[in-house]
Amino acid sequence: MLKAILEELLENQRPAKLSQSLLLITLAALLDTHDPLTSGHSRRIGTYSSLIARELGLSERIQSALRLAGLLHDIGKIGVRKAPLYKPDKLSDEEMDEMKRHVILGYEIIVEVPQLTTIAGIVLHHHERIDGSGYPHGLSGDEIPLGSRILCVADSFDAMVTSRLYRPTISVPKALEELEKCSNTQFDSEVVRVFGAYLRNKGFHLLGEAL
């Protein structure tokens, strides 16, 4: 995956800006490997997001952009205190506010690279919800960038099917049921539909191989 992203960057960016992008990728990779419970999370989000984009008929360039957005989507957690990140119990209101800062911090880090401004916007809004109950700006429906809606589904799916301190792992079919149950409230129904169709067509047991 990193090889593919680097090739994309080499093709589309001048050397002066390429070094900034490589620095972000390195920081994101370090963040992803720091916590054994979420190791590989960002890589998987990029893969799921790119796959969903493909199933929606979006261009290969957009698919590549979403792979990179997935890799960078949690980079803002570098600036968040560790206590809320690793707390196994429900977060207090203050701790939740601290956690919510990670999307703004991530945006501020990524937007410094001019070629990544679109990706910065995708990262900023990947915790918005279709019904307007998300953060940081309470956007709803089509106000939320499509890339952010895709990233949201991918992120939520991976959180459900992999180990977390605050939530037991559930099966892929159960996770898909949860996504479908929350369509048109939390998640974009079309994004959920194409992801679910892909999973059912390929077979849940083939998920790791297919992705």
C-alpha atoms as a PDB file:
ATOM      1  CA  MET A   1       0.000   0.000   0.000  1.00  0.00           C
ATOM      2  CA  LEU A   2       2.711   2.490   0.929  1.00  0.00           C
ATOM      3  CA  LYS A   3       4.478   1.711  -2.347  1.00  0.00           C
ATOM      4  CA  ALA A   4       1.341   2.565  -4.323  1.00  0.00           C
ATOM      5  CA  ILE A   5       0.863   5.825  -2.427  1.00  0.00           C
ATOM      6  CA  LEU A   6       4.482   6.821  -2.937  1.00  0.00           C
ATOM      7  CA  GLU A   7       4.199   6.130  -6.661  1.00  0.00           C
ATOM      8  CA  GLU A   8       1.115   8.349  -6.806  1.00  0.00           C
ATOM      9  CA  LEU A   9       2.930  11.135  -5.002  1.00  0.00           C
ATOM     10  CA  LEU A  10       5.992  10.847  -7.225  1.00  0.00           C
ATOM     11  CA  GLU A  11       3.842  11.092 -10.324  1.00  0.00           C
ATOM     12  CA  ASN A  12       1.771  14.074  -9.249  1.00  0.00           C
ATOM     13  CA  GLN A  13       3.954  16.260  -7.020  1.00  0.00           C
ATOM     14  CA  ARG A  14       7.093  18.304  -7.425  1.00  0.00           C
ATOM     15  CA  PRO A  15      10.072  17.230  -5.263  1.00  0.00           C
ATOM     16  CA  ALA A  16       9.809  20.234  -2.900  1.00  0.00           C
ATOM     17  CA  LYS A  17       6.274  19.283  -1.892  1.00  0.00           C
ATOM     18  CA  LEU A  18       6.889  15.547  -2.081  1.00  0.00           C
ATOM     19  CA  SER A  19       9.124  15.663   1.004  1.00  0.00           C
ATOM     20  CA  GLN A  20       6.274  17.195   3.026  1.00  0.00           C
ATOM     21  CA  SER A  21       3.902  14.439   1.944  1.00  0.00           C
ATOM     22  CA  LEU A  22       6.428  11.743   2.803  1.00  0.00           C
ATOM     23  CA  LEU A  23       6.836  13.279   6.251  1.00  0.00           C
ATOM     24  CA  LEU A  24       3.061  13.072   6.815  1.00  0.00           C
ATOM     25  CA  ILE A  25       2.996   9.444   5.680  1.00  0.00           C
ATOM     26  CA  THR A  26       5.847   8.620   8.046  1.00  0.00           C
ATOM     27  CA  LEU A  27       4.093  10.314  10.969  1.00  0.00           C
ATOM     28  CA  ALA A  28       0.862   8.479  10.174  1.00  0.00           C
ATOM     29  CA  ALA A  29       2.665   5.149   9.986  1.00  0.00           C
ATOM     30  CA  LEU A  30       4.331   5.769  13.344  1.00  0.00           C
ATOM     31  CA  LEU A  31       0.978   6.659  14.900  1.00  0.00           C
ATOM     32  CA  ASP A  32      -0.634   3.531  13.461  1.00  0.00           C
ATOM     33  CA  THR A  33       2.056   1.215  14.849  1.00  0.00           C
ATOM     34  CA  HIS A  34       2.288   2.920  18.265  1.00  0.00           C
ATOM     35  CA  ASP A  35      -0.868   1.247  19.581  1.00  0.00           C
ATOM     36  CA  PRO A  36      -0.941  -2.547  19.071  1.00  0.00           C
ATOM     37  CA  LEU A  37      -4.750  -2.546  19.292  1.00  0.00           C
ATOM     38  CA  THR A  38      -5.089  -0.314  16.238  1.00  0.00           C
ATOM     39  CA  SER A  39      -2.043  -1.446  14.273  1.00  0.00           C
ATOM     40  CA  GLY A  40      -2.853  -1.419  10.583  1.00  0.00           C
ATOM     41  CA  HIS A  41      -6.074   0.537  11.127  1.00  0.00           C
ATOM     42  CA  SER A  42      -5.218   3.465   8.853  1.00  0.00           C
ATOM     43  CA  ARG A  43      -3.943   1.186   6.108  1.00  0.00           C
ATOM     44  CA  ARG A  44      -7.185  -0.780   6.189  1.00  0.00           C
ATOM     45  CA  ILE A  45      -9.284   2.405   6.134  1.00  0.00           C
ATOM     46  CA  GLY A  46      -7.441   3.490   3.012  1.00  0.00           C
ATOM     47  CA  THR A  47      -8.050   0.124   1.392  1.00  0.00           C
ATOM     48  CA  TYR A  48     -11.753   0.018   2.269  1.00  0.00           C
ATOM     49  CA  SER A  49     -12.258   3.627   1.157  1.00  0.00           C
ATOM     50  CA  SER A  50     -10.527   3.055  -2.169  1.00  0.00           C
ATOM     51  CA  LEU A  51     -12.606  -0.069  -2.743  1.00  0.00           C
ATOM     52  CA  ILE A  52     -15.859   1.769  -2.013  1.00  0.00           C
ATOM     53  CA  ALA A  53     -14.830   4.554  -4.395  1.00  0.00           C
ATOM     54  CA  ARG A  54     -14.205   1.966  -7.099  1.00  0.00           C
ATOM     55  CA  GLU A  55     -17.582   0.327  -6.508  1.00  0.00           C
ATOM     56  CA  LEU A  56     -19.206   3.764  -6.779  1.00  0.00           C
ATOM     57  CA  GLY A  57     -17.580   4.183 -10.187  1.00  0.00           C
ATOM     58  CA  LEU A  58     -15.216   6.965  -9.131  1.00  0.00           C
ATOM     59  CA  SER A  59     -11.959   7.533 -10.992  1.00  0.00           C
ATOM     60  CA  GLU A  60      -8.678   5.826 -10.188  1.00  0.00           C
ATOM     61  CA  ARG A  61      -7.282   9.194  -9.143  1.00  0.00           C
ATOM     62  CA  ILE A  62     -10.043   9.581  -6.543  1.00  0.00           C
ATOM     63  CA  GLN A  63      -9.461   6.012  -5.402  1.00  0.00           C
ATOM     64  CA  SER A  64      -5.783   6.833  -4.854  1.00  0.00           C
ATOM     65  CA  ALA A  65      -6.704  10.029  -3.011  1.00  0.00           C
ATOM     66  CA  LEU A  66      -8.949   8.084  -0.659  1.00  0.00           C
ATOM     67  CA  ARG A  67      -6.213   5.552   0.022  1.00  0.00           C
ATOM     68  CA  LEU A  68      -4.022   8.438   1.134  1.00  0.00           C
ATOM     69  CA  ALA A  69      -6.868  10.063   3.101  1.00  0.00           C
ATOM     70  CA  GLY A  70      -7.364   6.770   4.939  1.00  0.00           C
ATOM     71  CA  LEU A  71      -3.704   6.576   5.806  1.00  0.00           C
ATOM     72  CA  LEU A  72      -3.719  10.129   7.155  1.00  0.00           C
ATOM     73  CA  HIS A  73      -7.200  10.299   8.693  1.00  0.00           C
ATOM     74  CA  ASP A  74      -6.076   9.952  12.323  1.00  0.00           C
ATOM     75  CA  ILE A  75      -2.829  11.907  12.091  1.00  0.00           C
ATOM     76  CA  GLY A  76      -4.330  14.628  14.307  1.00  0.00           C
ATOM     77  CA  LYS A  77      -4.217  12.205  17.246  1.00  0.00           C
ATOM     78  CA  ILE A  78      -0.535  13.070  17.459  1.00  0.00           C
ATOM     79  CA  GLY A  79      -1.686  16.244  19.227  1.00  0.00           C
ATOM     80  CA  VAL A  80      -4.257  14.601  21.534  1.00  0.00           C
ATOM     81  CA  ARG A  81      -3.436  13.577  25.112  1.00  0.00           C
ATOM     82  CA  LYS A  82      -2.887   9.823  25.461  1.00  0.00           C
ATOM     83  CA  ALA A  83      -5.358   9.327  28.316  1.00  0.00           C
ATOM     84  CA  PRO A  84      -8.539   9.720  26.220  1.00  0.00           C
ATOM     85  CA  LEU A  85      -7.030   7.685  23.368  1.00  0.00           C
ATOM     86  CA  TYR A  86      -6.472   4.579  25.479  1.00  0.00           C
ATOM     87  CA  LYS A  87      -9.196   4.850  28.095  1.00  0.00           C
ATOM     88  CA  PRO A  88     -11.273   1.616  28.164  1.00  0.00           C
ATOM     89  CA  ASP A  89     -14.309   3.237  29.805  1.00  0.00           C
ATOM     90  CA  LYS A  90     -16.754   5.821  28.521  1.00  0.00           C
ATOM     91  CA  LEU A  91     -15.108   9.203  28.024  1.00  0.00           C
ATOM     92  CA  SER A  92     -16.166  12.217  30.065  1.00  0.00           C
ATOM     93  CA  ASP A  93     -17.499  15.255  28.213  1.00  0.00           C
ATOM     94  CA  GLU A  94     -14.123  16.941  28.617  1.00  0.00           C
ATOM     95  CA  GLU A  95     -12.275  13.879  27.312  1.00  0.00           C
ATOM     96  CA  MET A  96     -14.667  13.606  24.375  1.00  0.00           C
ATOM     97  CA  ASP A  97     -14.040  17.255  23.499  1.00  0.00           C
ATOM     98  CA  GLU A  98     -10.318  16.494  23.582  1.00  0.00           C
ATOM     99  CA  MET A  99     -10.801  13.518  21.244  1.00  0.00           C
ATOM    100  CA  LYS A 100     -12.875  15.570  18.814  1.00  0.00           C
ATOM    101  CA  ARG A 101      -9.947  17.940  18.362  1.00  0.00           C
ATOM    102  CA  HIS A 102      -8.072  15.313  16.346  1.00  0.00           C
ATOM    103  CA  VAL A 103      -9.961  16.041  13.121  1.00  0.00           C
ATOM    104  CA  ILE A 104      -9.164  19.763  13.305  1.00  0.00           C
ATOM    105  CA  LEU A 105      -5.539  19.076  14.198  1.00  0.00           C
ATOM    106  CA  GLY A 106      -5.320  16.584  11.338  1.00  0.00           C
ATOM    107  CA  TYR A 107      -6.732  19.138   8.923  1.00  0.00           C
ATOM    108  CA  GLU A 108      -4.275  21.781  10.084  1.00  0.00           C
ATOM    109  CA  ILE A 109      -1.342  19.399   9.582  1.00  0.00           C
ATOM    110  CA  ILE A 110      -2.358  18.119   6.145  1.00  0.00           C
ATOM    111  CA  VAL A 111      -3.525  21.430   4.655  1.00  0.00           C
ATOM    112  CA  GLU A 112       0.024  22.765   4.974  1.00  0.00           C
ATOM    113  CA  VAL A 113       0.831  20.685   1.864  1.00  0.00           C
ATOM    114  CA  PRO A 114      -0.899  22.579  -0.989  1.00  0.00           C
ATOM    115  CA  GLN A 115      -1.407  19.435  -3.091  1.00  0.00           C
ATOM    116  CA  LEU A 116      -3.285  17.782  -0.227  1.00  0.00           C
ATOM    117  CA  THR A 117      -5.948  20.420   0.474  1.00  0.00           C
ATOM    118  CA  THR A 118      -8.767  18.181  -0.794  1.00  0.00           C
ATOM    119  CA  ILE A 119      -7.543  15.318   1.371  1.00  0.00           C
ATOM    120  CA  ALA A 120      -7.338  17.702   4.333  1.00  0.00           C
ATOM    121  CA  GLY A 121     -11.031  18.513   3.864  1.00  0.00           C
ATOM    122  CA  ILE A 122     -11.942  14.815   3.683  1.00  0.00           C
ATOM    123  CA  VAL A 123     -10.089  14.175   6.944  1.00  0.00           C
ATOM    124  CA  LEU A 124     -11.671  17.209   8.637  1.00  0.00           C
ATOM    125  CA  HIS A 125     -15.219  15.954   8.039  1.00  0.00           C
ATOM    126  CA  HIS A 126     -14.913  12.163   8.407  1.00  0.00           C
ATOM    127  CA  HIS A 127     -16.751  12.236  11.758  1.00  0.00           C
ATOM    128  CA  GLU A 128     -19.719  14.220  10.448  1.00  0.00           C
ATOM    129  CA  ARG A 129     -23.028  12.338  10.355  1.00  0.00           C
ATOM    130  CA  ILE A 130     -25.779  12.362   7.734  1.00  0.00           C
ATOM    131  CA  ASP A 131     -28.337  13.608  10.279  1.00  0.00           C
ATOM    132  CA  GLY A 132     -26.081  16.474  11.398  1.00  0.00           C
ATOM    133  CA  SER A 133     -25.141  14.949  14.756  1.00  0.00           C
ATOM    134  CA  GLY A 134     -21.428  14.607  14.005  1.00  0.00           C
ATOM    135  CA  TYR A 135     -18.441  16.895  14.413  1.00  0.00           C
ATOM    136  CA  PRO A 136     -16.631  19.267  14.051  1.00  0.00           C
ATOM    137  CA  HIS A 137     -19.197  21.406  12.190  1.00  0.00           C
ATOM    138  CA  GLY A 138     -22.462  19.462  12.392  1.00  0.00           C
ATOM    139  CA  LEU A 139     -22.762  19.129   8.614  1.00  0.00           C
ATOM    140  CA  SER A 140     -25.563  16.955   7.250  1.00  0.00           C
ATOM    141  CA  GLY A 141     -26.436  15.091   4.058  1.00  0.00           C
ATOM    142  CA  ASP A 142     -24.717  16.315   0.916  1.00  0.00           C
ATOM    143  CA  GLU A 143     -23.025  19.122   2.859  1.00  0.00           C
ATOM    144  CA  ILE A 144     -20.540  16.434   3.874  1.00  0.00           C
ATOM    145  CA  PRO A 145     -17.924  15.753   1.162  1.00  0.00           C
ATOM    146  CA  LEU A 146     -18.446  12.375  -0.503  1.00  0.00           C
ATOM    147  CA  GLY A 147     -14.900  11.351   0.397  1.00  0.00           C
ATOM    148  CA  SER A 148     -15.651  12.024   4.071  1.00  0.00           C
ATOM    149  CA  ARG A 149     -18.854   9.977   3.880  1.00  0.00           C
ATOM    150  CA  ILE A 150     -16.863   7.092   2.406  1.00  0.00           C
ATOM    151  CA  LEU A 151     -14.132   7.415   5.026  1.00  0.00           C
ATOM    152  CA  CYS A 152     -16.750   7.464   7.785  1.00  0.00           C
ATOM    153  CA  VAL A 153     -18.213   4.121   6.711  1.00  0.00           C
ATOM    154  CA  ALA A 154     -14.772   2.548   6.313  1.00  0.00           C
ATOM    155  CA  ASP A 155     -13.588   3.835   9.700  1.00  0.00           C
ATOM    156  CA  SER A 156     -16.717   2.699  11.542  1.00  0.00           C
ATOM    157  CA  PHE A 157     -16.639  -0.733   9.907  1.00  0.00           C
ATOM    158  CA  ASP A 158     -13.018  -1.352  10.871  1.00  0.00           C
ATOM    159  CA  ALA A 159     -13.646  -0.177  14.430  1.00  0.00           C
ATOM    160  CA  MET A 160     -16.398  -2.776  14.775  1.00  0.00           C
ATOM    161  CA  VAL A 161     -14.532  -5.783  13.338  1.00  0.00           C
ATOM    162  CA  THR A 162     -11.175  -5.211  15.064  1.00  0.00           C
ATOM    163  CA  SER A 163     -10.233  -5.241  18.736  1.00  0.00           C
ATOM    164  CA  ARG A 164     -10.755  -2.056  20.729  1.00  0.00           C
ATOM    165  CA  LEU A 165     -10.416  -1.412  24.462  1.00  0.00           C
ATOM    166  CA  TYR A 166     -13.898   0.070  24.674  1.00  0.00           C
ATOM    167  CA  ARG A 167     -15.816  -2.295  22.391  1.00  0.00           C
ATOM    168  CA  PRO A 168     -15.840  -6.061  21.791  1.00  0.00           C
ATOM    169  CA  THR A 169     -15.138  -7.257  18.269  1.00  0.00           C
ATOM    170  CA  ILE A 170     -18.181  -8.256  16.230  1.00  0.00           C
ATOM    171  CA  SER A 171     -18.437 -10.343  13.070  1.00  0.00           C
ATOM    172  CA  VAL A 172     -18.371  -8.848   9.587  1.00  0.00           C
ATOM    173  CA  PRO A 173     -22.064  -9.682   8.941  1.00  0.00           C
ATOM    174  CA  LYS A 174     -23.058  -8.060  12.238  1.00  0.00           C
ATOM    175  CA  ALA A 175     -20.969  -4.995  11.464  1.00  0.00           C
ATOM    176  CA  LEU A 176     -22.663  -4.683   8.090  1.00  0.00           C
ATOM    177  CA  GLU A 177     -26.076  -4.987   9.746  1.00  0.00           C
ATOM    178  CA  GLU A 178     -25.112  -2.123  12.064  1.00  0.00           C
ATOM    179  CA  LEU A 179     -24.030   0.038   9.129  1.00  0.00           C
ATOM    180  CA  GLU A 180     -27.317  -0.643   7.365  1.00  0.00           C
ATOM    181  CA  LYS A 181     -29.343   0.046  10.505  1.00  0.00           C
ATOM    182  CA  CYS A 182     -27.680   3.444  10.801  1.00  0.00           C
ATOM    183  CA  SER A 183     -27.986   4.390   7.128  1.00  0.00           C
ATOM    184  CA  ASN A 184     -29.500   7.847   6.610  1.00  0.00           C
ATOM    185  CA  THR A 185     -28.754   8.762  10.220  1.00  0.00           C
ATOM    186  CA  GLN A 186     -25.032   8.222  10.713  1.00  0.00           C
ATOM    187  CA  PHE A 187     -24.009   6.897   7.311  1.00  0.00           C
ATOM    188  CA  ASP A 188     -24.613   7.609   3.628  1.00  0.00           C
ATOM    189  CA  SER A 189     -27.020   4.909   2.464  1.00  0.00           C
ATOM    190  CA  GLU A 190     -25.488   4.562  -1.017  1.00  0.00           C
ATOM    191  CA  VAL A 191     -21.986   4.167   0.390  1.00  0.00           C
ATOM    192  CA  VAL A 192     -23.244   1.488   2.774  1.00  0.00           C
ATOM    193  CA  ARG A 193     -25.197  -0.210  -0.045  1.00  0.00           C
ATOM    194  CA  VAL A 194     -22.229  -0.617  -2.394  1.00  0.00           C
ATOM    195  CA  PHE A 195     -19.901  -1.725   0.407  1.00  0.00           C
ATOM    196  CA  GLY A 196     -22.448  -4.259   1.623  1.00  0.00           C
ATOM    197  CA  ALA A 197     -23.058  -5.546  -1.903  1.00  0.00           C
ATOM    198  CA  TYR A 198     -19.338  -6.050  -2.404  1.00  0.00           C
ATOM    199  CA  LEU A 199     -18.940  -7.937   0.869  1.00  0.00           C
ATOM    200  CA  ARG A 200     -21.944 -10.168   0.218  1.00  0.00           C
ATOM    201  CA  ASN A 201     -20.855 -10.862  -3.351  1.00  0.00           C
ATOM    202  CA  LYS A 202     -17.295 -11.784  -2.399  1.00  0.00           C
ATOM    203  CA  GLY A 203     -18.198 -13.616   0.759  1.00  0.00           C
ATOM    204  CA  PHE A 204     -17.492 -12.414   4.267  1.00  0.00           C
ATOM    205  CA  HIS A 205     -14.818 -15.072   4.827  1.00  0.00           C
ATOM    206  CA  LEU A 206     -12.843 -13.715   1.839  1.00  0.00           C
ATOM    207  CA  LEU A 207     -12.667 -10.182   3.190  1.00  0.00           C
ATOM    208  CA  GLY A 208      -8.977 -10.327   4.078  1.00  0.00           C
ATOM    209  CA  GLU A 209      -7.987 -11.866   0.752  1.00  0.00           C
ATOM    210  CA  ALA A 210     -10.192  -9.563  -1.332  1.00  0.00           C
ATOM    211  CA  LEU A 211      -8.824  -6.414   0.269  1.00  0.00           C
END
